[in-house]
N, C-alpha and C. Protein backbone atom coordinates (compact mmCIF):
# COMPACT_ATOMS: atom_id res chain seq x y z
N MET A 1 -10.52 25.38 -7.58
CA MET A 1 -10.77 24.06 -7.05
C MET A 1 -9.61 23.15 -7.45
N SER A 2 -9.10 22.36 -6.49
CA SER A 2 -7.95 21.51 -6.77
C SER A 2 -8.38 20.20 -7.44
N LYS A 3 -7.40 19.55 -8.03
CA LYS A 3 -7.67 18.27 -8.69
C LYS A 3 -8.10 17.22 -7.66
N LYS A 4 -7.53 17.29 -6.47
CA LYS A 4 -7.87 16.33 -5.43
C LYS A 4 -9.33 16.44 -5.03
N ALA A 5 -9.83 17.67 -4.99
CA ALA A 5 -11.23 17.88 -4.60
C ALA A 5 -12.18 17.31 -5.64
N ILE A 6 -11.72 17.16 -6.85
CA ILE A 6 -12.56 16.58 -7.91
C ILE A 6 -12.39 15.07 -7.97
N TRP A 7 -11.13 14.62 -7.99
CA TRP A 7 -10.87 13.19 -8.18
C TRP A 7 -11.22 12.35 -6.96
N GLY A 8 -11.07 12.88 -5.76
CA GLY A 8 -11.38 12.12 -4.55
C GLY A 8 -12.82 11.63 -4.52
N PRO A 9 -13.79 12.55 -4.58
CA PRO A 9 -15.19 12.10 -4.57
C PRO A 9 -15.56 11.26 -5.80
N LEU A 10 -14.96 11.56 -6.95
CA LEU A 10 -15.25 10.76 -8.14
C LEU A 10 -14.81 9.31 -7.98
N LEU A 11 -13.62 9.12 -7.42
CA LEU A 11 -13.13 7.75 -7.20
C LEU A 11 -13.99 7.02 -6.17
N ILE A 12 -14.40 7.73 -5.12
CA ILE A 12 -15.26 7.11 -4.11
C ILE A 12 -16.60 6.72 -4.73
N LEU A 13 -17.18 7.61 -5.52
CA LEU A 13 -18.46 7.30 -6.15
C LEU A 13 -18.33 6.16 -7.15
N LEU A 14 -17.24 6.12 -7.92
CA LEU A 14 -17.03 5.03 -8.87
C LEU A 14 -16.87 3.70 -8.15
N GLY A 15 -16.12 3.70 -7.05
CA GLY A 15 -15.97 2.47 -6.27
C GLY A 15 -17.28 2.01 -5.66
N ALA A 16 -18.07 2.95 -5.14
CA ALA A 16 -19.38 2.61 -4.58
C ALA A 16 -20.31 2.08 -5.66
N TYR A 17 -20.26 2.69 -6.85
CA TYR A 17 -21.08 2.21 -7.96
C TYR A 17 -20.71 0.78 -8.35
N LEU A 18 -19.39 0.52 -8.39
CA LEU A 18 -18.95 -0.84 -8.73
C LEU A 18 -19.40 -1.84 -7.67
N LEU A 19 -19.35 -1.43 -6.40
CA LEU A 19 -19.82 -2.33 -5.33
C LEU A 19 -21.31 -2.59 -5.45
N LEU A 20 -22.07 -1.54 -5.67
CA LEU A 20 -23.52 -1.70 -5.77
C LEU A 20 -23.91 -2.43 -7.05
N GLY A 21 -23.12 -2.26 -8.10
CA GLY A 21 -23.38 -2.96 -9.35
C GLY A 21 -23.17 -4.46 -9.21
N GLN A 22 -22.37 -4.87 -8.25
CA GLN A 22 -22.13 -6.29 -7.98
C GLN A 22 -23.22 -6.88 -7.10
N GLY A 23 -24.15 -6.06 -6.69
CA GLY A 23 -25.20 -6.55 -5.80
C GLY A 23 -24.74 -6.62 -4.36
N ILE A 24 -23.68 -5.88 -4.03
CA ILE A 24 -23.19 -5.89 -2.66
C ILE A 24 -23.86 -4.76 -1.91
N GLY A 25 -25.13 -4.92 -1.62
CA GLY A 25 -25.83 -3.95 -0.78
C GLY A 25 -25.56 -4.33 0.67
N MET A 26 -25.36 -3.38 1.53
CA MET A 26 -25.02 -3.68 2.90
C MET A 26 -26.27 -3.76 3.76
N ASN A 27 -26.59 -4.96 4.23
CA ASN A 27 -27.62 -5.12 5.23
C ASN A 27 -26.95 -5.71 6.46
N SER A 28 -27.69 -5.90 7.52
CA SER A 28 -27.06 -6.35 8.77
C SER A 28 -26.43 -7.73 8.63
N GLY A 29 -27.06 -8.60 7.88
CA GLY A 29 -26.47 -9.93 7.69
C GLY A 29 -25.15 -9.88 6.94
N MET A 30 -25.08 -9.03 5.95
CA MET A 30 -23.83 -8.91 5.20
C MET A 30 -22.75 -8.23 6.03
N ILE A 31 -23.14 -7.28 6.86
CA ILE A 31 -22.15 -6.62 7.71
C ILE A 31 -21.54 -7.63 8.67
N PHE A 32 -22.38 -8.44 9.32
CA PHE A 32 -21.84 -9.48 10.20
C PHE A 32 -21.07 -10.52 9.41
N GLY A 33 -21.54 -10.84 8.22
CA GLY A 33 -20.87 -11.84 7.40
C GLY A 33 -19.48 -11.43 6.96
N TYR A 34 -19.32 -10.16 6.62
CA TYR A 34 -18.03 -9.69 6.14
C TYR A 34 -17.12 -9.17 7.24
N PHE A 35 -17.70 -8.61 8.29
CA PHE A 35 -16.89 -7.92 9.29
C PHE A 35 -16.93 -8.59 10.66
N TRP A 36 -17.21 -9.89 10.73
CA TRP A 36 -17.26 -10.58 12.01
C TRP A 36 -15.92 -10.54 12.72
N ALA A 37 -14.83 -10.59 11.99
CA ALA A 37 -13.51 -10.57 12.63
C ALA A 37 -13.26 -9.23 13.31
N SER A 38 -13.63 -8.15 12.64
CA SER A 38 -13.43 -6.82 13.22
C SER A 38 -14.42 -6.53 14.34
N LEU A 39 -15.57 -7.16 14.30
CA LEU A 39 -16.59 -6.91 15.31
C LEU A 39 -16.40 -7.72 16.58
N PHE A 40 -15.84 -8.93 16.46
CA PHE A 40 -15.78 -9.81 17.62
C PHE A 40 -14.36 -10.18 18.06
N ILE A 41 -13.48 -10.51 17.13
CA ILE A 41 -12.15 -10.97 17.51
C ILE A 41 -11.21 -9.80 17.81
N LEU A 42 -11.20 -8.79 16.95
CA LEU A 42 -10.31 -7.65 17.13
C LEU A 42 -10.56 -6.92 18.46
N PRO A 43 -11.81 -6.64 18.85
CA PRO A 43 -12.00 -5.97 20.15
C PRO A 43 -11.49 -6.80 21.33
N LEU A 44 -11.60 -8.10 21.24
CA LEU A 44 -11.09 -8.94 22.33
C LEU A 44 -9.57 -8.86 22.41
N GLY A 45 -8.90 -8.88 21.26
CA GLY A 45 -7.44 -8.72 21.26
C GLY A 45 -7.01 -7.36 21.78
N LEU A 46 -7.73 -6.32 21.37
CA LEU A 46 -7.42 -4.98 21.87
C LEU A 46 -7.71 -4.85 23.36
N PHE A 47 -8.72 -5.60 23.83
CA PHE A 47 -9.03 -5.61 25.27
C PHE A 47 -7.85 -6.15 26.08
N PHE A 48 -7.21 -7.22 25.60
CA PHE A 48 -6.04 -7.76 26.29
C PHE A 48 -4.91 -6.73 26.32
N HIS A 49 -4.71 -6.02 25.22
CA HIS A 49 -3.68 -4.99 25.20
C HIS A 49 -4.03 -3.84 26.16
N TRP A 50 -5.30 -3.46 26.17
CA TRP A 50 -5.73 -2.40 27.08
C TRP A 50 -5.52 -2.82 28.53
N MET A 51 -5.83 -4.08 28.83
CA MET A 51 -5.61 -4.56 30.20
C MET A 51 -4.14 -4.48 30.59
N TYR A 52 -3.27 -4.85 29.66
CA TYR A 52 -1.84 -4.82 29.97
C TYR A 52 -1.35 -3.38 30.17
N PHE A 53 -1.68 -2.50 29.24
CA PHE A 53 -1.12 -1.15 29.29
C PHE A 53 -1.83 -0.24 30.29
N SER A 54 -3.12 -0.42 30.51
CA SER A 54 -3.86 0.51 31.37
C SER A 54 -4.15 -0.05 32.75
N MET A 55 -4.72 -1.24 32.80
CA MET A 55 -5.17 -1.76 34.09
C MET A 55 -4.03 -2.29 34.94
N THR A 56 -3.11 -3.03 34.34
CA THR A 56 -2.02 -3.62 35.13
C THR A 56 -0.76 -2.78 35.09
N HIS A 57 -0.77 -1.71 34.31
CA HIS A 57 0.38 -0.81 34.18
C HIS A 57 1.67 -1.56 33.86
N GLY A 58 1.56 -2.55 32.99
CA GLY A 58 2.73 -3.27 32.51
C GLY A 58 3.26 -4.35 33.43
N ARG A 59 2.46 -4.77 34.41
CA ARG A 59 2.94 -5.78 35.35
C ARG A 59 2.64 -7.21 34.92
N LEU A 60 1.73 -7.41 33.96
CA LEU A 60 1.37 -8.76 33.53
C LEU A 60 1.59 -8.91 32.01
N PRO A 61 2.84 -9.08 31.58
CA PRO A 61 3.10 -9.14 30.14
C PRO A 61 2.50 -10.38 29.48
N GLY A 62 2.09 -11.37 30.25
CA GLY A 62 1.46 -12.55 29.68
C GLY A 62 0.15 -12.24 28.98
N LEU A 63 -0.48 -11.10 29.29
CA LEU A 63 -1.71 -10.69 28.61
C LEU A 63 -1.46 -10.36 27.14
N LEU A 64 -0.21 -10.06 26.79
CA LEU A 64 0.10 -9.68 25.42
C LEU A 64 0.12 -10.89 24.48
N ILE A 65 0.32 -12.08 25.00
CA ILE A 65 0.35 -13.26 24.12
C ILE A 65 -1.02 -13.50 23.50
N PRO A 66 -2.09 -13.65 24.28
CA PRO A 66 -3.39 -13.81 23.61
C PRO A 66 -3.82 -12.55 22.87
N GLY A 67 -3.42 -11.38 23.37
CA GLY A 67 -3.76 -10.14 22.68
C GLY A 67 -3.15 -10.08 21.29
N GLY A 68 -1.87 -10.39 21.19
CA GLY A 68 -1.20 -10.38 19.89
C GLY A 68 -1.75 -11.43 18.94
N ILE A 69 -2.04 -12.61 19.49
CA ILE A 69 -2.60 -13.68 18.66
C ILE A 69 -3.96 -13.27 18.11
N LEU A 70 -4.82 -12.74 18.97
CA LEU A 70 -6.18 -12.38 18.53
C LEU A 70 -6.19 -11.21 17.55
N VAL A 71 -5.34 -10.23 17.75
CA VAL A 71 -5.28 -9.10 16.81
C VAL A 71 -4.80 -9.59 15.45
N THR A 72 -3.77 -10.43 15.43
CA THR A 72 -3.25 -10.96 14.17
C THR A 72 -4.29 -11.83 13.47
N VAL A 73 -4.96 -12.69 14.21
CA VAL A 73 -6.00 -13.54 13.63
C VAL A 73 -7.13 -12.69 13.08
N ALA A 74 -7.51 -11.63 13.79
CA ALA A 74 -8.58 -10.76 13.31
C ALA A 74 -8.19 -10.08 12.00
N ILE A 75 -6.96 -9.61 11.90
CA ILE A 75 -6.51 -8.96 10.67
C ILE A 75 -6.49 -9.96 9.52
N VAL A 76 -5.97 -11.15 9.77
CA VAL A 76 -5.92 -12.19 8.73
C VAL A 76 -7.32 -12.56 8.27
N CYS A 77 -8.22 -12.79 9.21
CA CYS A 77 -9.60 -13.17 8.85
C CYS A 77 -10.32 -12.04 8.13
N GLN A 78 -10.09 -10.80 8.56
CA GLN A 78 -10.78 -9.68 7.92
C GLN A 78 -10.32 -9.52 6.48
N ILE A 79 -9.04 -9.60 6.24
CA ILE A 79 -8.53 -9.48 4.86
C ILE A 79 -9.04 -10.63 4.01
N ALA A 80 -9.02 -11.84 4.58
CA ALA A 80 -9.50 -13.00 3.83
C ALA A 80 -10.98 -12.90 3.52
N MET A 81 -11.78 -12.37 4.44
CA MET A 81 -13.22 -12.23 4.20
C MET A 81 -13.50 -11.16 3.14
N LEU A 82 -12.82 -10.05 3.22
CA LEU A 82 -13.09 -8.96 2.29
C LEU A 82 -12.69 -9.29 0.86
N PHE A 83 -11.58 -9.99 0.71
CA PHE A 83 -11.06 -10.24 -0.63
C PHE A 83 -11.19 -11.70 -1.07
N GLY A 84 -11.82 -12.53 -0.25
CA GLY A 84 -12.00 -13.93 -0.62
C GLY A 84 -10.68 -14.64 -0.86
N SER A 85 -9.72 -14.38 -0.01
CA SER A 85 -8.37 -14.90 -0.23
C SER A 85 -7.90 -15.82 0.89
N TRP A 86 -8.76 -16.72 1.30
CA TRP A 86 -8.38 -17.67 2.36
C TRP A 86 -7.20 -18.52 1.91
N ASN A 87 -7.13 -18.83 0.62
CA ASN A 87 -6.05 -19.68 0.13
C ASN A 87 -4.69 -19.00 0.21
N VAL A 88 -4.66 -17.69 0.33
CA VAL A 88 -3.40 -16.97 0.45
C VAL A 88 -3.14 -16.55 1.90
N MET A 89 -4.19 -16.27 2.65
CA MET A 89 -4.04 -15.68 3.99
C MET A 89 -3.86 -16.69 5.12
N TRP A 90 -4.06 -17.97 4.88
CA TRP A 90 -4.00 -18.93 5.97
C TRP A 90 -2.66 -18.98 6.69
N PRO A 91 -1.51 -18.66 6.07
CA PRO A 91 -0.26 -18.65 6.86
C PRO A 91 -0.25 -17.61 7.97
N GLY A 92 -1.18 -16.66 7.94
CA GLY A 92 -1.28 -15.70 9.03
C GLY A 92 -1.62 -16.35 10.35
N PHE A 93 -2.26 -17.53 10.30
CA PHE A 93 -2.56 -18.25 11.53
C PHE A 93 -1.29 -18.84 12.14
N ILE A 94 -0.28 -19.10 11.33
CA ILE A 94 1.02 -19.54 11.85
C ILE A 94 1.77 -18.34 12.42
N LEU A 95 1.59 -17.18 11.80
CA LEU A 95 2.25 -15.96 12.25
C LEU A 95 1.67 -15.44 13.57
N ALA A 96 0.41 -15.72 13.84
CA ALA A 96 -0.27 -15.17 15.02
C ALA A 96 0.43 -15.50 16.35
N PRO A 97 0.78 -16.76 16.62
CA PRO A 97 1.50 -17.00 17.88
C PRO A 97 2.88 -16.35 17.91
N ALA A 98 3.51 -16.19 16.76
CA ALA A 98 4.80 -15.51 16.73
C ALA A 98 4.65 -14.05 17.14
N VAL A 99 3.57 -13.41 16.70
CA VAL A 99 3.32 -12.01 17.08
C VAL A 99 3.06 -11.90 18.58
N GLY A 100 2.22 -12.80 19.11
CA GLY A 100 1.95 -12.78 20.55
C GLY A 100 3.20 -13.02 21.37
N LEU A 101 4.01 -13.98 20.96
CA LEU A 101 5.25 -14.26 21.69
C LEU A 101 6.24 -13.11 21.56
N PHE A 102 6.27 -12.47 20.39
CA PHE A 102 7.19 -11.34 20.22
C PHE A 102 6.78 -10.17 21.11
N GLU A 103 5.49 -9.91 21.23
CA GLU A 103 5.05 -8.85 22.15
C GLU A 103 5.44 -9.19 23.58
N PHE A 104 5.28 -10.45 23.95
CA PHE A 104 5.68 -10.89 25.30
C PHE A 104 7.19 -10.70 25.49
N TYR A 105 7.96 -11.09 24.49
CA TYR A 105 9.41 -10.93 24.54
C TYR A 105 9.79 -9.45 24.68
N TRP A 106 9.15 -8.60 23.88
CA TRP A 106 9.51 -7.20 23.85
C TRP A 106 9.19 -6.47 25.15
N PHE A 107 8.05 -6.77 25.76
CA PHE A 107 7.62 -6.04 26.94
C PHE A 107 7.92 -6.76 28.25
N SER A 108 8.52 -7.94 28.20
CA SER A 108 8.89 -8.62 29.44
C SER A 108 10.41 -8.58 29.57
N GLY A 109 10.99 -9.57 30.21
CA GLY A 109 12.42 -9.56 30.50
C GLY A 109 13.32 -9.83 29.32
N ARG A 110 12.78 -9.96 28.12
CA ARG A 110 13.54 -10.22 26.90
C ARG A 110 14.38 -11.49 27.01
N ASN A 111 13.68 -12.57 27.29
CA ASN A 111 14.33 -13.88 27.34
C ASN A 111 14.69 -14.27 25.91
N ARG A 112 15.97 -14.38 25.63
CA ARG A 112 16.42 -14.62 24.26
C ARG A 112 15.98 -15.96 23.72
N TRP A 113 15.61 -16.91 24.58
CA TRP A 113 15.17 -18.22 24.11
C TRP A 113 13.80 -18.16 23.45
N LEU A 114 13.06 -17.11 23.72
CA LEU A 114 11.77 -16.93 23.05
C LEU A 114 11.94 -16.63 21.56
N LEU A 115 13.11 -16.13 21.19
CA LEU A 115 13.34 -15.79 19.78
C LEU A 115 13.39 -17.03 18.89
N ILE A 116 13.68 -18.19 19.45
CA ILE A 116 13.74 -19.42 18.64
C ILE A 116 12.36 -19.75 18.07
N PRO A 117 11.31 -19.93 18.90
CA PRO A 117 10.00 -20.22 18.29
C PRO A 117 9.45 -19.03 17.49
N ILE A 118 9.77 -17.81 17.92
CA ILE A 118 9.30 -16.63 17.18
C ILE A 118 9.86 -16.66 15.76
N ASN A 119 11.16 -16.90 15.64
CA ASN A 119 11.79 -16.91 14.31
C ASN A 119 11.33 -18.09 13.48
N ILE A 120 11.18 -19.27 14.07
CA ILE A 120 10.73 -20.44 13.32
C ILE A 120 9.33 -20.20 12.77
N LEU A 121 8.42 -19.73 13.60
CA LEU A 121 7.05 -19.49 13.15
C LEU A 121 6.97 -18.37 12.11
N THR A 122 7.76 -17.32 12.31
CA THR A 122 7.74 -16.20 11.36
C THR A 122 8.28 -16.62 10.00
N VAL A 123 9.40 -17.31 9.97
CA VAL A 123 9.99 -17.75 8.70
C VAL A 123 9.07 -18.73 8.00
N LEU A 124 8.49 -19.66 8.74
CA LEU A 124 7.58 -20.63 8.13
C LEU A 124 6.36 -19.92 7.54
N SER A 125 5.82 -18.97 8.28
CA SER A 125 4.66 -18.22 7.79
C SER A 125 5.00 -17.41 6.55
N LEU A 126 6.11 -16.70 6.56
CA LEU A 126 6.51 -15.89 5.41
C LEU A 126 6.80 -16.76 4.20
N LEU A 127 7.37 -17.93 4.42
CA LEU A 127 7.63 -18.86 3.32
C LEU A 127 6.32 -19.29 2.67
N PHE A 128 5.34 -19.68 3.49
CA PHE A 128 4.04 -20.08 2.95
C PHE A 128 3.32 -18.91 2.28
N PHE A 129 3.42 -17.71 2.88
CA PHE A 129 2.83 -16.53 2.25
C PHE A 129 3.42 -16.31 0.86
N ALA A 130 4.73 -16.41 0.76
CA ALA A 130 5.40 -16.19 -0.53
C ALA A 130 4.96 -17.23 -1.56
N VAL A 131 4.97 -18.51 -1.17
CA VAL A 131 4.63 -19.57 -2.10
C VAL A 131 3.19 -19.45 -2.59
N PHE A 132 2.26 -19.24 -1.67
CA PHE A 132 0.86 -19.19 -2.06
C PHE A 132 0.48 -17.86 -2.70
N SER A 133 1.20 -16.78 -2.40
CA SER A 133 0.94 -15.51 -3.08
C SER A 133 1.40 -15.58 -4.53
N ILE A 134 2.54 -16.18 -4.76
CA ILE A 134 3.02 -16.33 -6.14
C ILE A 134 2.05 -17.19 -6.94
N GLU A 135 1.56 -18.26 -6.32
CA GLU A 135 0.59 -19.11 -7.01
C GLU A 135 -0.69 -18.33 -7.33
N ALA A 136 -1.16 -17.55 -6.37
CA ALA A 136 -2.40 -16.79 -6.58
C ALA A 136 -2.21 -15.73 -7.65
N LEU A 137 -1.04 -15.11 -7.69
CA LEU A 137 -0.80 -14.08 -8.70
C LEU A 137 -0.72 -14.66 -10.10
N THR A 138 -0.27 -15.89 -10.21
CA THR A 138 -0.15 -16.48 -11.54
C THR A 138 -1.43 -17.14 -12.02
N THR A 139 -2.34 -17.50 -11.10
CA THR A 139 -3.55 -18.21 -11.51
C THR A 139 -4.80 -17.36 -11.50
N ARG A 140 -4.78 -16.23 -10.83
CA ARG A 140 -5.99 -15.41 -10.70
C ARG A 140 -5.64 -13.95 -10.92
N THR A 141 -6.52 -13.24 -11.53
CA THR A 141 -6.32 -11.81 -11.70
C THR A 141 -6.84 -11.07 -10.47
N PHE A 142 -6.10 -10.07 -10.03
CA PHE A 142 -6.52 -9.32 -8.85
C PHE A 142 -7.27 -8.05 -9.22
N MET A 143 -7.52 -7.82 -10.48
CA MET A 143 -8.27 -6.63 -10.87
C MET A 143 -9.73 -6.96 -11.09
N GLU A 144 -10.25 -7.85 -10.25
CA GLU A 144 -11.67 -8.14 -10.30
C GLU A 144 -12.43 -6.92 -9.80
N GLN A 145 -13.69 -6.85 -10.11
CA GLN A 145 -14.44 -5.64 -9.83
C GLN A 145 -14.52 -5.27 -8.35
N PRO A 146 -14.80 -6.18 -7.40
CA PRO A 146 -14.87 -5.74 -6.00
C PRO A 146 -13.54 -5.19 -5.48
N LEU A 147 -12.42 -5.83 -5.84
CA LEU A 147 -11.13 -5.32 -5.39
C LEU A 147 -10.87 -3.95 -5.98
N LEU A 148 -11.17 -3.79 -7.26
CA LEU A 148 -11.00 -2.50 -7.90
C LEU A 148 -11.88 -1.44 -7.23
N ALA A 149 -13.07 -1.82 -6.82
CA ALA A 149 -13.96 -0.88 -6.15
C ALA A 149 -13.36 -0.41 -4.83
N PHE A 150 -12.82 -1.33 -4.04
CA PHE A 150 -12.22 -0.95 -2.76
C PHE A 150 -10.97 -0.09 -2.98
N VAL A 151 -10.18 -0.40 -3.99
CA VAL A 151 -8.99 0.39 -4.28
C VAL A 151 -9.39 1.81 -4.69
N LEU A 152 -10.41 1.94 -5.53
CA LEU A 152 -10.86 3.27 -5.95
C LEU A 152 -11.40 4.07 -4.77
N ILE A 153 -12.16 3.43 -3.90
CA ILE A 153 -12.68 4.13 -2.71
C ILE A 153 -11.53 4.58 -1.82
N GLY A 154 -10.55 3.72 -1.61
CA GLY A 154 -9.39 4.07 -0.79
C GLY A 154 -8.58 5.22 -1.38
N LEU A 155 -8.34 5.17 -2.69
CA LEU A 155 -7.60 6.25 -3.34
C LEU A 155 -8.36 7.56 -3.27
N GLY A 156 -9.67 7.50 -3.47
CA GLY A 156 -10.48 8.71 -3.37
C GLY A 156 -10.45 9.30 -1.98
N ALA A 157 -10.51 8.45 -0.96
CA ALA A 157 -10.46 8.93 0.42
C ALA A 157 -9.09 9.54 0.72
N LEU A 158 -8.02 8.94 0.22
CA LEU A 158 -6.69 9.50 0.44
C LEU A 158 -6.54 10.87 -0.21
N LEU A 159 -7.13 11.02 -1.38
CA LEU A 159 -7.05 12.31 -2.06
C LEU A 159 -7.80 13.40 -1.31
N LEU A 160 -8.80 13.02 -0.53
CA LEU A 160 -9.57 14.02 0.21
C LEU A 160 -8.92 14.44 1.52
N LEU A 161 -7.94 13.67 1.99
CA LEU A 161 -7.27 14.03 3.24
C LEU A 161 -6.44 15.29 3.04
N PRO A 162 -6.49 16.20 3.99
CA PRO A 162 -5.69 17.43 3.85
C PRO A 162 -4.22 17.13 4.09
N LEU A 163 -3.37 17.82 3.35
CA LEU A 163 -1.93 17.68 3.54
C LEU A 163 -1.46 18.72 4.55
N ARG A 164 -0.50 18.31 5.37
CA ARG A 164 0.10 19.26 6.30
C ARG A 164 1.16 20.06 5.54
N ARG A 165 1.08 21.33 5.68
CA ARG A 165 2.05 22.19 5.01
C ARG A 165 3.03 22.72 6.03
N LYS A 166 4.30 22.69 5.66
CA LYS A 166 5.33 23.20 6.56
C LYS A 166 5.31 24.72 6.52
N SER A 167 5.47 25.29 7.68
CA SER A 167 5.49 26.73 7.79
C SER A 167 6.82 27.26 7.25
N LYS A 168 6.75 28.29 6.41
CA LYS A 168 7.98 28.85 5.84
C LYS A 168 8.63 29.83 6.80
N SER A 169 7.87 30.36 7.72
CA SER A 169 8.44 31.31 8.67
C SER A 169 9.03 30.55 9.84
N GLY A 170 10.02 31.12 10.45
CA GLY A 170 10.68 30.51 11.58
C GLY A 170 9.86 30.67 12.84
N PRO A 171 10.43 30.31 13.98
CA PRO A 171 9.71 30.45 15.25
C PRO A 171 9.36 31.91 15.54
N VAL A 172 8.19 32.11 16.07
CA VAL A 172 7.70 33.46 16.36
C VAL A 172 8.34 33.97 17.63
N GLY A 173 8.67 35.25 17.64
CA GLY A 173 9.20 35.88 18.84
C GLY A 173 10.70 35.75 18.98
N ARG A 174 11.36 35.27 18.00
CA ARG A 174 12.79 35.11 18.06
C ARG A 174 13.47 36.42 17.67
N VAL A 175 14.46 36.82 18.41
CA VAL A 175 15.16 38.07 18.11
C VAL A 175 16.54 37.79 17.62
């Protein structure tokens, strides 16, 4: 038996125990409370992307602007809800229109003038992320029990994933 087969489930169980020890039992209200961004906003953003890539076959790149904005907002809100980090994640709302505009730029005619607002919004967002992340790191510890529980569950799940092994033999049938 490999070490991964032992440590993976142990880390998952330890993380689940820490979550349950905090009184974080999952009922329907808590699922909606914590995962509303993934349940409602993310599917709408993915729907806009699906419309662009599948239904219009790339003829309406304007669908990517709201799609990119909604996917980015959903990711920002989901991270902030799970880790209680609204004070650090709010610059993601400035980044969201930059992502939507960048997708439009990339899949449309590549109008170089779009890069001006994209770069301004991206730099402003990254600047705020840096400033507020440094403040959060110096004022709060990130090894609180719920975060540690999620990290342990994630590490345990990664250890359980099978690794792809490269074949040592060459192509079959070669003479």
